[in-house]
Amino acid sequence: MKFSNRHDIEAPIDFVFARAVDFDAHAKQALRRGVEVDRTDDQITSGPGMCWDIRFPFRGKLRTVRGSLSQIEAPQSFLIHSVSGGIEAEFDVEFLALSRNRTRIRTGLQLSPKSISAKLLVQSLRFSKSNLDQRFDKRVRQFASDIQDRYAQAAAEIR
């Protein structure tokens, strides 16, 4: 099962990329939503090999996801690989500079079931695919809007 979308942001690619790979800020935001995030690697800087254990309630059960940053190519893209039970997921984000102050962000999430129970879960998710697509799109749109607002605020402070 695949989710994907793209959004244009009125901000330079370096600014957008820096906000997108601010994983500590993402962890704090997830905590405010009731998601537990624990960083499990010993790396000091951001880069491939960063790992997280994430716990959140979903469909009445506490789910655990182990995620790791697989690739990062500043400022073009990054890829996060995660595993939860029998489901593997690849979350890839690509950035394209459309102009000096405009960036296109393309996101994709590919879920791959690896067990029978995971196949049943993914199959049940297919029945609500349009709703999940809307929720995924809304979350990415909100993220893009937040980055755009931060850039506008930073540009106003400079003036």
C-alpha atoms as a PDB file:
ATOM      1  CA  MET A   1       0.000   0.000   0.000  1.00  0.00           C
ATOM      2  CA  LYS A   2       1.411   3.368  -0.989  1.00  0.00           C
ATOM      3  CA  PHE A   3       0.630   6.917   0.041  1.00  0.00           C
ATOM      4  CA  SER A   4       2.179   9.854  -1.760  1.00  0.00           C
ATOM      5  CA  ASN A   5       1.692  13.542  -2.357  1.00  0.00           C
ATOM      6  CA  ARG A   6       3.500  16.747  -3.177  1.00  0.00           C
ATOM      7  CA  HIS A   7       3.259  20.309  -1.964  1.00  0.00           C
ATOM      8  CA  ASP A   8       4.943  23.562  -2.918  1.00  0.00           C
ATOM      9  CA  ILE A   9       6.398  25.703  -0.145  1.00  0.00           C
ATOM     10  CA  GLU A  10       7.300  29.384  -0.408  1.00  0.00           C
ATOM     11  CA  ALA A  11      10.764  28.983   1.125  1.00  0.00           C
ATOM     12  CA  PRO A  12      14.280  28.133  -0.113  1.00  0.00           C
ATOM     13  CA  ILE A  13      15.222  24.459  -0.366  1.00  0.00           C
ATOM     14  CA  ASP A  14      17.951  24.704   2.309  1.00  0.00           C
ATOM     15  CA  PHE A  15      15.481  26.172   4.820  1.00  0.00           C
ATOM     16  CA  VAL A  16      12.854  23.523   4.030  1.00  0.00           C
ATOM     17  CA  PHE A  17      15.358  20.666   4.217  1.00  0.00           C
ATOM     18  CA  ALA A  18      16.779  21.884   7.535  1.00  0.00           C
ATOM     19  CA  ARG A  19      13.292  21.920   9.067  1.00  0.00           C
ATOM     20  CA  ALA A  20      12.415  18.528   7.617  1.00  0.00           C
ATOM     21  CA  VAL A  21      15.477  16.819   9.093  1.00  0.00           C
ATOM     22  CA  ASP A  22      15.096  18.429  12.519  1.00  0.00           C
ATOM     23  CA  PHE A  23      14.223  15.060  14.038  1.00  0.00           C
ATOM     24  CA  ASP A  24      14.416  16.318  17.621  1.00  0.00           C
ATOM     25  CA  ALA A  25      11.663  18.847  16.873  1.00  0.00           C
ATOM     26  CA  HIS A  26       9.568  16.095  15.266  1.00  0.00           C
ATOM     27  CA  ALA A  27      10.011  13.931  18.367  1.00  0.00           C
ATOM     28  CA  LYS A  28       8.847  16.780  20.627  1.00  0.00           C
ATOM     29  CA  GLN A  29       5.817  17.354  18.413  1.00  0.00           C
ATOM     30  CA  ALA A  30       4.974  13.635  18.518  1.00  0.00           C
ATOM     31  CA  LEU A  31       5.199  13.669  22.329  1.00  0.00           C
ATOM     32  CA  ARG A  32       2.566  16.435  22.391  1.00  0.00           C
ATOM     33  CA  ARG A  33       0.283  14.075  20.439  1.00  0.00           C
ATOM     34  CA  GLY A  34       0.736  11.245  22.920  1.00  0.00           C
ATOM     35  CA  VAL A  35       3.360   9.306  20.966  1.00  0.00           C
ATOM     36  CA  GLU A  36       6.406   8.024  22.864  1.00  0.00           C
ATOM     37  CA  VAL A  37       9.677   8.515  20.972  1.00  0.00           C
ATOM     38  CA  ASP A  38      13.038   7.186  22.191  1.00  0.00           C
ATOM     39  CA  ARG A  39      16.243   7.761  20.265  1.00  0.00           C
ATOM     40  CA  THR A  40      18.263   4.534  20.383  1.00  0.00           C
ATOM     41  CA  ASP A  41      21.503   5.392  18.568  1.00  0.00           C
ATOM     42  CA  ASP A  42      24.622   7.091  19.903  1.00  0.00           C
ATOM     43  CA  GLN A  43      25.230   9.456  16.987  1.00  0.00           C
ATOM     44  CA  ILE A  44      25.917  13.086  17.767  1.00  0.00           C
ATOM     45  CA  THR A  45      25.105  14.460  14.321  1.00  0.00           C
ATOM     46  CA  SER A  46      22.173  13.727  12.011  1.00  0.00           C
ATOM     47  CA  GLY A  47      22.970  11.055   9.470  1.00  0.00           C
ATOM     48  CA  PRO A  48      22.338   7.516   8.314  1.00  0.00           C
ATOM     49  CA  GLY A  49      22.067   5.148  11.243  1.00  0.00           C
ATOM     50  CA  MET A  50      19.913   7.362  13.455  1.00  0.00           C
ATOM     51  CA  CYS A  51      17.323   5.092  15.116  1.00  0.00           C
ATOM     52  CA  TRP A  52      14.139   5.563  17.095  1.00  0.00           C
ATOM     53  CA  ASP A  53      11.697   3.379  18.980  1.00  0.00           C
ATOM     54  CA  ILE A  54       8.191   4.815  18.683  1.00  0.00           C
ATOM     55  CA  ARG A  55       5.119   3.686  20.634  1.00  0.00           C
ATOM     56  CA  PHE A  56       1.554   4.827  19.983  1.00  0.00           C
ATOM     57  CA  PRO A  57      -1.990   3.506  20.331  1.00  0.00           C
ATOM     58  CA  PHE A  58      -3.623   2.350  17.088  1.00  0.00           C
ATOM     59  CA  ARG A  59      -6.922   0.490  16.814  1.00  0.00           C
ATOM     60  CA  GLY A  60      -7.015  -0.218  20.524  1.00  0.00           C
ATOM     61  CA  LYS A  61      -3.490  -1.639  20.755  1.00  0.00           C
ATOM     62  CA  LEU A  62      -0.158  -0.126  21.690  1.00  0.00           C
ATOM     63  CA  ARG A  63       2.001  -0.388  18.568  1.00  0.00           C
ATOM     64  CA  THR A  64       5.784  -0.221  18.500  1.00  0.00           C
ATOM     65  CA  VAL A  65       7.738   0.969  15.477  1.00  0.00           C
ATOM     66  CA  ARG A  66      11.502   0.822  15.072  1.00  0.00           C
ATOM     67  CA  GLY A  67      12.654   3.443  12.585  1.00  0.00           C
ATOM     68  CA  SER A  68      16.052   4.293  11.181  1.00  0.00           C
ATOM     69  CA  LEU A  69      17.379   6.917   8.827  1.00  0.00           C
ATOM     70  CA  SER A  70      18.625   4.900   5.854  1.00  0.00           C
ATOM     71  CA  GLN A  71      19.748   7.631   3.471  1.00  0.00           C
ATOM     72  CA  ILE A  72      20.175  11.363   3.490  1.00  0.00           C
ATOM     73  CA  GLU A  73      21.350  13.529   0.618  1.00  0.00           C
ATOM     74  CA  ALA A  74      21.258  17.173   1.658  1.00  0.00           C
ATOM     75  CA  PRO A  75      19.285  19.057   0.462  1.00  0.00           C
ATOM     76  CA  GLN A  76      17.601  16.687  -2.015  1.00  0.00           C
ATOM     77  CA  SER A  77      16.155  13.765  -0.048  1.00  0.00           C
ATOM     78  CA  PHE A  78      16.080  11.392   2.871  1.00  0.00           C
ATOM     79  CA  LEU A  79      14.687   7.914   3.462  1.00  0.00           C
ATOM     80  CA  ILE A  80      13.470   6.364   6.703  1.00  0.00           C
ATOM     81  CA  HIS A  81      13.005   2.611   6.970  1.00  0.00           C
ATOM     82  CA  SER A  82      10.800   1.264   9.746  1.00  0.00           C
ATOM     83  CA  VAL A  83       9.490  -2.047  11.019  1.00  0.00           C
ATOM     84  CA  SER A  84       6.441  -2.699  13.162  1.00  0.00           C
ATOM     85  CA  GLY A  85       5.458  -6.279  13.779  1.00  0.00           C
ATOM     86  CA  GLY A  86       5.189  -7.796  10.333  1.00  0.00           C
ATOM     87  CA  ILE A  87       4.971  -4.511   8.437  1.00  0.00           C
ATOM     88  CA  GLU A  88       7.953  -2.800   6.857  1.00  0.00           C
ATOM     89  CA  ALA A  89       7.609   0.808   5.758  1.00  0.00           C
ATOM     90  CA  GLU A  90       9.720   3.124   3.644  1.00  0.00           C
ATOM     91  CA  PHE A  91       9.117   6.854   4.098  1.00  0.00           C
ATOM     92  CA  ASP A  92      10.895   8.884   1.461  1.00  0.00           C
ATOM     93  CA  VAL A  93      10.949  12.645   1.134  1.00  0.00           C
ATOM     94  CA  GLU A  94      12.359  14.506  -1.858  1.00  0.00           C
ATOM     95  CA  PHE A  95      12.930  18.228  -2.250  1.00  0.00           C
ATOM     96  CA  LEU A  96      13.113  20.144  -5.517  1.00  0.00           C
ATOM     97  CA  ALA A  97      14.032  23.824  -5.799  1.00  0.00           C
ATOM     98  CA  LEU A  98      11.486  25.365  -8.154  1.00  0.00           C
ATOM     99  CA  SER A  99      12.989  28.835  -7.746  1.00  0.00           C
ATOM    100  CA  ARG A 100      15.150  30.670  -5.256  1.00  0.00           C
ATOM    101  CA  ASN A 101      12.307  30.927  -2.721  1.00  0.00           C
ATOM    102  CA  ARG A 102      10.032  28.065  -3.733  1.00  0.00           C
ATOM    103  CA  THR A 103      10.506  24.367  -2.987  1.00  0.00           C
ATOM    104  CA  ARG A 104       8.455  21.323  -3.932  1.00  0.00           C
ATOM    105  CA  ILE A 105       8.328  18.570  -1.334  1.00  0.00           C
ATOM    106  CA  ARG A 106       7.288  15.083  -2.427  1.00  0.00           C
ATOM    107  CA  THR A 107       6.526  12.487   0.206  1.00  0.00           C
ATOM    108  CA  GLY A 108       5.880   8.793  -0.136  1.00  0.00           C
ATOM    109  CA  LEU A 109       5.051   6.046   2.323  1.00  0.00           C
ATOM    110  CA  GLN A 110       5.161   2.432   1.178  1.00  0.00           C
ATOM    111  CA  LEU A 111       3.777  -0.252   3.530  1.00  0.00           C
ATOM    112  CA  SER A 112       4.841  -3.854   2.893  1.00  0.00           C
ATOM    113  CA  PRO A 113       3.287  -6.640   4.983  1.00  0.00           C
ATOM    114  CA  LYS A 114       5.653  -9.519   5.820  1.00  0.00           C
ATOM    115  CA  SER A 115       3.352 -11.790   7.841  1.00  0.00           C
ATOM    116  CA  ILE A 116      -0.191 -13.075   7.563  1.00  0.00           C
ATOM    117  CA  SER A 117      -1.467 -10.867  10.385  1.00  0.00           C
ATOM    118  CA  ALA A 118       0.242  -7.851   8.804  1.00  0.00           C
ATOM    119  CA  LYS A 119      -1.377  -8.683   5.459  1.00  0.00           C
ATOM    120  CA  LEU A 120      -4.765  -8.718   7.166  1.00  0.00           C
ATOM    121  CA  LEU A 121      -4.078  -5.355   8.792  1.00  0.00           C
ATOM    122  CA  VAL A 122      -2.932  -3.771   5.509  1.00  0.00           C
ATOM    123  CA  GLN A 123      -5.928  -5.285   3.718  1.00  0.00           C
ATOM    124  CA  SER A 124      -8.266  -3.738   6.293  1.00  0.00           C
ATOM    125  CA  LEU A 125      -6.509  -0.390   5.784  1.00  0.00           C
ATOM    126  CA  ARG A 126      -7.247  -0.617   2.055  1.00  0.00           C
ATOM    127  CA  PHE A 127     -10.954  -0.323   2.811  1.00  0.00           C
ATOM    128  CA  SER A 128     -10.352   3.131   4.276  1.00  0.00           C
ATOM    129  CA  LYS A 129      -7.611   4.157   1.804  1.00  0.00           C
ATOM    130  CA  SER A 130      -9.327   7.374   0.710  1.00  0.00           C
ATOM    131  CA  ASN A 131      -9.726   8.501   4.333  1.00  0.00           C
ATOM    132  CA  LEU A 132      -6.088   7.610   5.095  1.00  0.00           C
ATOM    133  CA  ASP A 133      -4.957   9.439   1.933  1.00  0.00           C
ATOM    134  CA  GLN A 134      -6.784  12.542   3.116  1.00  0.00           C
ATOM    135  CA  ARG A 135      -5.256  12.318   6.585  1.00  0.00           C
ATOM    136  CA  PHE A 136      -1.751  11.789   5.142  1.00  0.00           C
ATOM    137  CA  ASP A 137      -2.222  14.733   2.771  1.00  0.00           C
ATOM    138  CA  LYS A 138      -3.573  16.941   5.570  1.00  0.00           C
ATOM    139  CA  ARG A 139      -0.581  16.169   7.805  1.00  0.00           C
ATOM    140  CA  VAL A 140       1.942  16.924   5.042  1.00  0.00           C
ATOM    141  CA  ARG A 141       0.036  20.084   4.041  1.00  0.00           C
ATOM    142  CA  GLN A 142       0.108  21.230   7.681  1.00  0.00           C
ATOM    143  CA  PHE A 143       3.861  20.528   7.860  1.00  0.00           C
ATOM    144  CA  ALA A 144       4.427  22.513   4.647  1.00  0.00           C
ATOM    145  CA  SER A 145       2.322  25.387   5.943  1.00  0.00           C
ATOM    146  CA  ASP A 146       4.262  25.462   9.236  1.00  0.00           C
ATOM    147  CA  ILE A 147       7.583  25.648   7.372  1.00  0.00           C
ATOM    148  CA  GLN A 148       6.257  28.409   5.129  1.00  0.00           C
ATOM    149  CA  ASP A 149       5.044  30.384   8.153  1.00  0.00           C
ATOM    150  CA  ARG A 150       8.400  29.968   9.920  1.00  0.00           C
ATOM    151  CA  TYR A 151      10.233  31.182   6.839  1.00  0.00           C
ATOM    152  CA  ALA A 152       7.944  34.207   6.492  1.00  0.00           C
ATOM    153  CA  GLN A 153       8.487  35.011  10.174  1.00  0.00           C
ATOM    154  CA  ALA A 154      12.277  34.635   9.867  1.00  0.00           C
ATOM    155  CA  ALA A 155      12.319  36.825   6.730  1.00  0.00           C
ATOM    156  CA  ALA A 156      10.243  39.490   8.507  1.00  0.00           C
ATOM    157  CA  GLU A 157      12.636  39.515  11.476  1.00  0.00           C
ATOM    158  CA  ILE A 158      15.595  40.088   9.171  1.00  0.00           C
ATOM    159  CA  ARG A 159      13.976  43.156   7.602  1.00  0.00           C
END
